[in-house]
Amino acid sequence: MKVSARFDPIRSALAHRDFRLFSGGNVASHVGTWVQRVAVGWLAWELTRSGTWLGIIAFADMFPTVLLAPVTGAVADRVERLRAVKTVQTLNLLQAVLLAGFTLSGTMTIEILLVLVTLGGSALAFGQPVRLAIVPSLVARKDLSAAIGINSLIFNGARFVGPAIAGVLIVRYGIGWAFAFNALTFLVFLAALSRIRLEHGEPRPAPRGIRNMPGEIAEGYAYAARHPGIGPMLLILTVVAICARPFMELLPGFADAVFGRGAEGLALLTSATGLGAMLGGLWLAQRGAVAGLTATTVSGIAFLGAVLIAFAATDIFWLAVPCLAVAGFAMIVVGVGEQTLLQNAVDPGLRGRVMSLYGMINRGAPALGALVMGSLSSWIGLQWPVAGGAAICLGVWLWARSRRETMTRALEGDAPGAAA
């Protein structure tokens, strides 16, 4: 196959006008989000010098998704998703403005930061399921796998670019300007969203009473638990998200306490993870087809566990950087592979509820893991909790490997490009 032909799935997905607009806005929004994430982590560290507080702030950002996911998933199957995405982006813009205002005025405290991060996490809890569920309305079904890969490429390209911008803004101008930069990127995304027409159609939700919502929530959870592919995949995601993903929230402590590199070191470590993740997203996007993705996702768990053990075992900065690049690649192969398989296999009428479960686990489980690892780091250091979590990931890889064939049939059976 010619090298240029490998990118045909990407070109096909980007041929859709709505998806191009959405992707362009996503580039700006995700870069700003990663600038803000680095700034929040460094601000929390500057205010407290505490690994425990790093865990608490990460928990406050991500755990609202767990509390609200049962409702937000049902809401995502009831509302016009484009309008919902616009509303959430407006709320995120407001949070960024408040973060900038308190920080630039010199009145920020760890308690105010905790409140604002919690509010932002709550808005994202509503935004994530609709943001995921709207993608099939932006492209033809044959381009869905590539579109999800492109979304991952954008997100993780931003993970590479955003921290680099954050490092410059924080060192040269101050943390407050990093938050102001993020506010500007939300305006760009809102402008892009205003031009989307949903040419592939958005399912019109049938009017349903509020009293039916508990039953709808239970229906979505029961469907996911019974499904021979979706249920095990969500279980794998839970373990990996708790035991591996929280290393990202502990990087401010690693940058300062383990490697002695400060804010610039944090930007380099985060950017290395983002570079690896961006390459992982590019590889998945050009891959296109869903066939064989279950085996690839399961293998990614082993790579992620092994490389995080290597990262935790060193105190040499320039050895840690490539370790995190490989970890970023493996993390995206696992996370995006799971999302693609879920989107392919799920009943369209339950898409919002199942993707809210994905979002709940993807954000809430790392919050729990970060809280536990952050607390443990105050007693046994930052490196041992990361190494222990990585070892558990190797255990779940062995479990998943033994169930791979059953999951493959359930998740890939009707996929475009899947084997007959």
Protein backbone atom coordinates (compact mmCIF):
# COMPACT_ATOMS: atom_id res chain seq x y z
CA MET A 1 0.00 0.00 0.00
CA LYS A 2 1.32 3.46 -0.90
CA VAL A 3 2.03 5.77 2.02
CA SER A 4 -0.48 8.31 0.69
CA ALA A 5 -3.20 5.64 0.53
CA ARG A 6 -2.83 5.03 4.26
CA PHE A 7 -4.34 8.46 4.86
CA ASP A 8 -7.41 7.90 2.67
CA PRO A 9 -9.64 7.24 5.74
CA ILE A 10 -8.56 10.59 7.21
CA ARG A 11 -9.25 12.43 3.95
CA SER A 12 -12.64 10.73 3.64
CA ALA A 13 -13.73 11.80 7.13
CA LEU A 14 -12.51 15.37 6.64
CA ALA A 15 -14.43 15.61 3.36
CA HIS A 16 -17.55 16.19 5.49
CA ARG A 17 -18.04 19.95 6.00
CA ASP A 18 -19.58 19.66 9.47
CA PHE A 19 -16.78 17.44 10.70
CA ARG A 20 -14.15 19.86 9.36
CA LEU A 21 -15.78 22.74 11.24
CA PHE A 22 -16.11 20.67 14.41
CA SER A 23 -12.49 19.53 14.14
CA GLY A 24 -11.20 23.06 13.56
CA GLY A 25 -13.00 24.33 16.65
CA ASN A 26 -11.80 21.30 18.57
CA VAL A 27 -8.17 22.13 17.76
CA ALA A 28 -8.47 25.55 19.41
CA SER A 29 -10.58 24.32 22.32
CA HIS A 30 -8.36 21.36 23.20
CA VAL A 31 -5.15 23.39 22.99
CA GLY A 32 -6.67 25.88 25.42
CA THR A 33 -7.91 23.10 27.68
CA TRP A 34 -4.42 21.59 27.95
CA VAL A 35 -2.93 25.01 28.62
CA GLN A 36 -5.42 25.36 31.47
CA ARG A 37 -4.82 21.84 32.82
CA VAL A 38 -1.10 22.46 33.14
CA ALA A 39 -1.77 25.86 34.69
CA VAL A 40 -4.25 24.45 37.23
CA GLY A 41 -1.83 21.69 38.25
CA TRP A 42 1.08 24.08 38.64
CA LEU A 43 -1.05 26.66 40.49
CA ALA A 44 -2.23 23.98 42.93
CA TRP A 45 1.38 22.91 43.49
CA GLU A 46 2.55 26.53 43.99
CA LEU A 47 -0.24 27.21 46.48
CA THR A 48 0.28 24.06 48.59
CA ARG A 49 3.44 22.08 47.63
CA SER A 50 1.31 19.00 48.38
CA GLY A 51 0.81 15.79 46.43
CA THR A 52 -2.41 15.30 48.37
CA TRP A 53 -3.78 18.61 47.06
CA LEU A 54 -2.80 17.65 43.52
CA GLY A 55 -4.94 14.56 43.96
CA ILE A 56 -7.82 16.54 45.47
CA ILE A 57 -7.84 19.07 42.61
CA ALA A 58 -7.74 16.29 40.01
CA PHE A 59 -10.55 14.52 41.87
CA ALA A 60 -12.65 17.71 41.90
CA ASP A 61 -12.16 18.14 38.16
CA MET A 62 -13.06 14.61 37.15
CA PHE A 63 -15.31 13.08 39.79
CA PRO A 64 -18.45 15.15 38.99
CA THR A 65 -18.68 13.02 35.86
CA VAL A 66 -19.24 9.96 38.08
CA LEU A 67 -21.92 11.64 40.17
CA LEU A 68 -23.80 13.13 37.22
CA ALA A 69 -23.24 10.50 34.51
CA PRO A 70 -26.50 8.59 35.13
CA VAL A 71 -28.44 11.78 34.42
CA THR A 72 -26.20 13.23 31.71
CA GLY A 73 -26.35 10.05 29.61
CA ALA A 74 -30.14 10.03 29.64
CA VAL A 75 -30.16 13.76 28.87
CA ALA A 76 -27.84 13.18 25.89
CA ASP A 77 -30.43 10.80 24.40
CA ARG A 78 -33.20 13.39 24.91
CA VAL A 79 -31.75 16.73 23.77
CA GLU A 80 -30.54 18.34 20.55
CA ARG A 81 -26.86 17.53 20.89
CA LEU A 82 -25.47 20.48 18.94
CA ARG A 83 -27.31 22.96 21.14
CA ALA A 84 -26.12 21.11 24.24
CA VAL A 85 -22.48 21.27 23.10
CA LYS A 86 -22.80 25.04 22.58
CA THR A 87 -24.28 25.51 26.05
CA VAL A 88 -21.49 23.56 27.75
CA GLN A 89 -18.78 25.46 25.85
CA THR A 90 -20.31 28.72 27.05
CA LEU A 91 -20.14 27.50 30.67
CA ASN A 92 -16.51 26.46 30.17
CA LEU A 93 -15.75 29.93 28.83
CA LEU A 94 -17.20 31.45 32.00
CA GLN A 95 -15.07 29.19 34.20
CA ALA A 96 -11.88 30.16 32.32
CA VAL A 97 -12.71 33.86 32.71
CA LEU A 98 -13.20 33.44 36.48
CA LEU A 99 -9.93 31.50 36.84
CA ALA A 100 -8.10 34.27 34.97
CA GLY A 101 -9.76 37.01 36.99
CA PHE A 102 -8.98 35.56 40.43
CA THR A 103 -5.40 34.65 39.48
CA LEU A 104 -4.49 37.95 37.79
CA SER A 105 -5.99 39.93 40.68
CA GLY A 106 -3.88 38.00 43.20
CA THR A 107 -6.93 36.76 45.15
CA MET A 108 -6.76 33.09 44.19
CA THR A 109 -6.64 30.55 47.03
CA ILE A 110 -6.60 26.78 46.95
CA GLU A 111 -10.21 26.78 48.16
CA ILE A 112 -11.37 29.08 45.34
CA LEU A 113 -9.43 26.97 42.87
CA LEU A 114 -11.15 23.85 44.22
CA VAL A 115 -14.61 25.41 43.74
CA LEU A 116 -13.92 26.61 40.19
CA VAL A 117 -12.38 23.31 39.14
CA THR A 118 -15.42 21.47 40.55
CA LEU A 119 -17.77 23.74 38.58
CA GLY A 120 -15.78 23.13 35.41
CA GLY A 121 -15.83 19.40 36.00
CA SER A 122 -19.60 19.51 36.48
CA ALA A 123 -20.09 21.33 33.16
CA LEU A 124 -17.88 18.81 31.42
CA ALA A 125 -19.94 15.96 32.91
CA PHE A 126 -22.87 17.17 30.81
CA GLY A 127 -20.75 18.07 27.80
CA GLN A 128 -18.77 14.88 27.34
CA PRO A 129 -21.57 12.44 26.42
CA VAL A 130 -23.15 14.83 23.92
CA ARG A 131 -19.75 15.70 22.48
CA LEU A 132 -19.03 12.01 21.94
CA ALA A 133 -22.55 11.13 20.78
CA ILE A 134 -22.69 13.90 18.16
CA VAL A 135 -19.76 12.55 16.11
CA PRO A 136 -21.88 9.97 14.18
CA SER A 137 -24.07 12.89 13.03
CA LEU A 138 -21.05 14.66 11.50
CA VAL A 139 -19.80 11.87 9.18
CA ALA A 140 -21.05 8.89 7.20
CA ARG A 141 -20.94 5.61 9.14
CA LYS A 142 -18.08 4.26 7.03
CA ASP A 143 -15.95 7.19 8.25
CA LEU A 144 -16.82 6.86 11.94
CA SER A 145 -13.65 5.00 12.97
CA ALA A 146 -11.42 7.52 11.21
CA ALA A 147 -13.41 10.43 12.69
CA ILE A 148 -12.91 9.12 16.22
CA GLY A 149 -9.22 8.65 15.47
CA ILE A 150 -9.00 12.23 14.19
CA ASN A 151 -10.71 13.50 17.34
CA SER A 152 -8.10 11.64 19.36
CA LEU A 153 -5.31 13.04 17.18
CA ILE A 154 -6.60 16.57 17.79
CA PHE A 155 -6.97 16.02 21.53
CA ASN A 156 -3.52 14.55 21.89
CA GLY A 157 -1.88 16.93 19.48
CA ALA A 158 -3.23 19.58 21.83
CA ARG A 159 -1.74 17.63 24.73
CA PHE A 160 1.63 18.10 23.00
CA VAL A 161 1.18 21.74 21.91
CA GLY A 162 -0.85 23.02 24.86
CA PRO A 163 1.68 22.30 27.62
CA ALA A 164 4.43 23.91 25.54
CA ILE A 165 2.32 27.07 25.24
CA ALA A 166 1.48 26.82 28.94
CA GLY A 167 5.18 26.66 29.83
CA VAL A 168 5.88 29.86 27.90
CA LEU A 169 2.85 31.70 29.29
CA ILE A 170 3.49 30.66 32.90
CA VAL A 171 7.23 31.37 32.91
CA ARG A 172 7.11 34.66 30.97
CA TYR A 173 3.73 36.17 31.82
CA GLY A 174 2.18 34.29 34.76
CA ILE A 175 -0.44 31.62 35.35
CA GLY A 176 -3.38 33.99 34.96
CA TRP A 177 -2.62 34.59 31.28
CA ALA A 178 -2.77 30.85 30.63
CA PHE A 179 -6.38 30.90 31.83
CA ALA A 180 -7.12 33.97 29.66
CA PHE A 181 -5.69 32.13 26.64
CA ASN A 182 -8.08 29.23 27.30
CA ALA A 183 -11.06 31.60 27.41
CA LEU A 184 -10.13 32.89 23.96
CA THR A 185 -10.04 29.36 22.51
CA PHE A 186 -13.60 28.68 23.68
CA LEU A 187 -14.75 31.68 21.66
CA VAL A 188 -13.14 30.15 18.57
CA PHE A 189 -14.93 26.83 19.13
CA LEU A 190 -18.29 28.53 19.66
CA ALA A 191 -17.84 30.37 16.36
CA ALA A 192 -17.18 27.06 14.58
CA LEU A 193 -20.19 25.39 16.21
CA SER A 194 -22.46 28.22 15.03
CA ARG A 195 -21.75 27.22 11.39
CA ILE A 196 -22.47 23.48 11.69
CA ARG A 197 -25.64 22.33 9.87
CA LEU A 198 -25.67 18.59 10.75
CA GLU A 199 -25.96 17.52 7.13
CA HIS A 200 -26.01 13.84 8.14
CA GLY A 201 -28.94 14.48 10.46
CA GLU A 202 -29.29 14.41 14.20
CA PRO A 203 -31.78 11.95 15.69
CA ARG A 204 -34.78 13.87 16.95
CA PRO A 205 -35.47 12.70 20.49
CA ALA A 206 -39.05 11.71 21.15
CA PRO A 207 -40.76 13.69 23.95
CA ARG A 208 -40.51 11.74 27.19
CA GLY A 209 -41.55 12.62 30.72
CA ILE A 210 -39.04 13.13 33.53
CA ARG A 211 -40.65 10.24 35.40
CA ASN A 212 -39.34 7.89 32.71
CA MET A 213 -35.71 8.89 33.23
CA PRO A 214 -34.85 6.40 36.05
CA GLY A 215 -36.08 3.57 33.84
CA GLU A 216 -34.07 4.88 30.89
CA ILE A 217 -30.95 5.07 33.04
CA ALA A 218 -31.47 1.51 34.29
CA GLU A 219 -32.06 0.33 30.71
CA GLY A 220 -28.74 1.77 29.54
CA TYR A 221 -26.78 0.28 32.44
CA ALA A 222 -28.39 -3.14 32.03
CA TYR A 223 -27.71 -3.12 28.29
CA ALA A 224 -24.01 -2.34 28.85
CA ALA A 225 -23.63 -4.97 31.58
CA ARG A 226 -25.26 -7.72 29.47
CA HIS A 227 -23.43 -6.98 26.25
CA PRO A 228 -20.62 -9.55 25.76
CA GLY A 229 -18.25 -6.92 24.37
CA ILE A 230 -19.28 -3.61 25.91
CA GLY A 231 -19.44 -4.90 29.50
CA PRO A 232 -15.90 -6.38 29.59
CA MET A 233 -14.49 -3.39 27.72
CA LEU A 234 -15.93 -0.98 30.28
CA LEU A 235 -14.48 -3.13 33.08
CA ILE A 236 -11.04 -3.01 31.44
CA LEU A 237 -11.37 0.76 31.03
CA THR A 238 -12.19 1.11 34.73
CA VAL A 239 -9.10 -0.72 35.92
CA VAL A 240 -6.74 1.02 33.49
CA ALA A 241 -8.25 4.43 34.28
CA ILE A 242 -7.83 3.96 38.03
CA CYS A 243 -4.41 2.33 38.00
CA ALA A 244 -2.55 3.89 35.04
CA ARG A 245 -4.13 7.16 33.93
CA PRO A 246 -3.58 9.11 37.21
CA PHE A 247 0.16 9.45 36.55
CA MET A 248 -0.77 12.55 34.52
CA GLU A 249 -2.19 14.32 37.57
CA LEU A 250 0.98 13.59 39.55
CA LEU A 251 3.37 15.06 36.97
CA PRO A 252 3.68 18.45 38.74
CA GLY A 253 5.08 16.58 41.74
CA PHE A 254 7.38 14.44 39.56
CA ALA A 255 8.65 17.52 37.70
CA ASP A 256 9.58 19.31 40.93
CA ALA A 257 10.19 16.74 43.68
CA VAL A 258 11.62 13.82 41.64
CA PHE A 259 13.39 15.53 38.73
CA GLY A 260 13.90 19.07 40.11
CA ARG A 261 12.86 20.71 36.82
CA GLY A 262 10.02 23.06 37.85
CA ALA A 263 7.33 24.40 35.51
CA GLU A 264 9.45 23.96 32.37
CA GLY A 265 10.07 20.32 33.31
CA LEU A 266 6.34 19.82 33.80
CA ALA A 267 5.66 21.24 30.34
CA LEU A 268 8.25 18.88 28.79
CA LEU A 269 6.88 15.81 30.57
CA THR A 270 3.30 16.63 29.60
CA SER A 271 4.31 17.45 26.04
CA ALA A 272 6.19 14.15 25.72
CA THR A 273 3.05 12.31 26.76
CA GLY A 274 1.06 14.37 24.29
CA LEU A 275 3.51 13.73 21.46
CA GLY A 276 3.25 9.97 21.96
CA ALA A 277 -0.52 10.23 22.23
CA MET A 278 -0.69 12.34 19.07
CA LEU A 279 1.28 9.70 17.16
CA GLY A 280 -1.04 7.04 18.59
CA GLY A 281 -4.08 8.99 17.43
CA LEU A 282 -2.56 9.46 13.95
CA TRP A 283 -1.81 5.75 13.71
CA LEU A 284 -5.37 4.83 14.68
CA ALA A 285 -6.90 7.42 12.35
CA GLN A 286 -4.98 6.23 9.28
CA ARG A 287 -5.77 2.64 10.22
CA GLY A 288 -9.45 3.38 9.47
CA ALA A 289 -11.10 -0.04 9.85
CA VAL A 290 -12.41 -1.45 13.12
CA ALA A 291 -11.38 -5.00 12.23
CA GLY A 292 -8.61 -6.23 14.53
CA LEU A 293 -8.98 -3.28 16.89
CA THR A 294 -9.93 -5.43 19.91
CA ALA A 295 -6.60 -7.29 19.80
CA THR A 296 -4.72 -4.01 19.33
CA THR A 297 -6.46 -2.43 22.31
CA VAL A 298 -5.73 -5.39 24.58
CA SER A 299 -2.04 -5.39 23.56
CA GLY A 300 -1.85 -1.67 24.35
CA ILE A 301 -2.63 -2.42 28.02
CA ALA A 302 0.57 -4.48 28.31
CA PHE A 303 2.71 -1.75 26.76
CA LEU A 304 1.19 0.90 29.01
CA GLY A 305 1.81 -1.09 32.20
CA ALA A 306 5.40 -1.95 31.28
CA VAL A 307 6.47 1.55 30.32
CA LEU A 308 4.92 3.16 33.42
CA ILE A 309 6.94 0.79 35.60
CA ALA A 310 10.05 1.98 33.74
CA PHE A 311 9.04 5.64 34.25
CA ALA A 312 8.46 5.14 37.97
CA ALA A 313 11.80 3.35 38.37
CA THR A 314 13.99 6.24 37.18
CA ASP A 315 14.95 9.62 38.59
CA ILE A 316 16.80 10.59 35.40
CA PHE A 317 14.76 13.21 33.58
CA TRP A 318 15.90 12.39 30.03
CA LEU A 319 15.01 8.73 30.53
CA ALA A 320 11.59 9.65 31.89
CA VAL A 321 10.71 11.79 28.85
CA PRO A 322 10.79 8.96 26.25
CA CYS A 323 9.03 6.64 28.72
CA LEU A 324 6.14 9.09 28.86
CA ALA A 325 6.07 9.41 25.07
CA VAL A 326 5.58 5.64 24.78
CA ALA A 327 3.04 5.74 27.62
CA GLY A 328 1.09 8.42 25.77
CA PHE A 329 1.03 6.30 22.61
CA ALA A 330 -0.17 3.20 24.49
CA MET A 331 -2.73 5.16 26.52
CA ILE A 332 -4.36 6.48 23.36
CA VAL A 333 -4.34 3.09 21.65
CA VAL A 334 -6.24 1.70 24.64
CA GLY A 335 -8.59 4.64 25.24
CA VAL A 336 -9.50 5.47 21.64
CA GLY A 337 -9.61 1.82 20.67
CA GLU A 338 -12.19 1.25 23.40
CA GLN A 339 -14.23 4.29 22.38
CA THR A 340 -14.25 3.26 18.72
CA LEU A 341 -15.33 -0.28 19.53
CA LEU A 342 -18.12 0.98 21.81
CA GLN A 343 -19.38 3.44 19.19
CA ASN A 344 -19.38 0.67 16.59
CA ALA A 345 -21.24 -1.89 18.70
CA VAL A 346 -23.77 0.21 20.64
CA ASP A 347 -27.47 0.41 19.81
CA PRO A 348 -27.99 3.98 18.41
CA GLY A 349 -30.97 4.54 20.70
CA LEU A 350 -28.75 3.91 23.72
CA ARG A 351 -25.65 5.70 22.45
CA GLY A 352 -25.86 8.67 24.82
CA ARG A 353 -26.29 6.49 27.88
CA VAL A 354 -23.48 4.08 26.99
CA MET A 355 -21.12 6.91 26.06
CA SER A 356 -21.94 8.61 29.36
CA LEU A 357 -20.76 5.42 31.07
CA TYR A 358 -17.59 5.60 29.01
CA GLY A 359 -17.17 9.25 29.99
CA MET A 360 -17.94 8.52 33.64
CA ILE A 361 -15.24 5.88 33.79
CA ASN A 362 -12.79 7.79 31.60
CA ARG A 363 -12.89 10.83 33.90
CA GLY A 364 -14.20 9.56 37.22
CA ALA A 365 -11.93 6.54 37.60
CA PRO A 366 -8.73 8.59 37.12
CA ALA A 367 -10.10 11.04 39.68
CA LEU A 368 -10.40 8.24 42.22
CA GLY A 369 -6.99 6.89 41.24
CA ALA A 370 -5.39 10.35 41.50
CA LEU A 371 -6.90 10.88 44.95
CA VAL A 372 -5.58 7.51 46.19
CA MET A 373 -2.15 7.86 44.54
CA GLY A 374 -1.81 11.47 45.66
CA SER A 375 -2.57 10.50 49.25
CA LEU A 376 -0.19 7.54 49.13
CA SER A 377 2.56 9.75 47.70
CA SER A 378 2.62 11.73 50.95
CA TRP A 379 3.61 8.52 52.74
CA ILE A 380 5.69 6.47 50.30
CA GLY A 381 6.69 8.96 47.59
CA LEU A 382 5.35 9.55 44.10
CA GLN A 383 7.05 6.64 42.33
CA TRP A 384 5.71 3.60 44.21
CA PRO A 385 1.98 4.32 43.65
CA VAL A 386 2.55 4.69 39.90
CA ALA A 387 4.57 1.47 39.73
CA GLY A 388 1.94 -0.44 41.72
CA GLY A 389 -0.89 0.75 39.48
CA ALA A 390 1.09 -0.25 36.40
CA ALA A 391 1.60 -3.75 37.78
CA ILE A 392 -2.18 -4.11 38.24
CA CYS A 393 -2.61 -3.11 34.57
CA LEU A 394 -0.40 -6.02 33.55
CA GLY A 395 -2.74 -8.29 35.52
CA VAL A 396 -5.84 -6.96 33.72
CA TRP A 397 -4.05 -7.44 30.41
CA LEU A 398 -3.71 -11.17 31.15
CA TRP A 399 -7.44 -11.33 32.02
CA ALA A 400 -8.47 -9.47 28.85
CA ARG A 401 -6.24 -11.60 26.67
CA SER A 402 -8.10 -14.72 27.76
CA ARG A 403 -11.45 -13.17 26.66
CA ARG A 404 -10.27 -11.50 23.48
CA GLU A 405 -12.05 -13.72 20.95
CA THR A 406 -15.48 -13.32 22.57
CA MET A 407 -15.06 -9.55 22.78
CA THR A 408 -13.89 -9.39 19.16
CA ARG A 409 -17.05 -11.10 17.88
CA ALA A 410 -19.31 -8.83 19.94
CA LEU A 411 -17.56 -5.55 19.18
CA GLU A 412 -16.39 -5.92 15.59
CA GLY A 413 -19.04 -8.15 14.01
CA ASP A 414 -20.94 -5.50 12.03
CA ALA A 415 -18.08 -3.07 11.59
CA PRO A 416 -17.21 -1.65 8.19
CA GLY A 417 -14.09 -3.50 7.16
CA ALA A 418 -14.60 -6.29 9.68
CA ALA A 419 -14.06 -9.85 8.71
CA ALA A 420 -17.13 -11.77 7.64
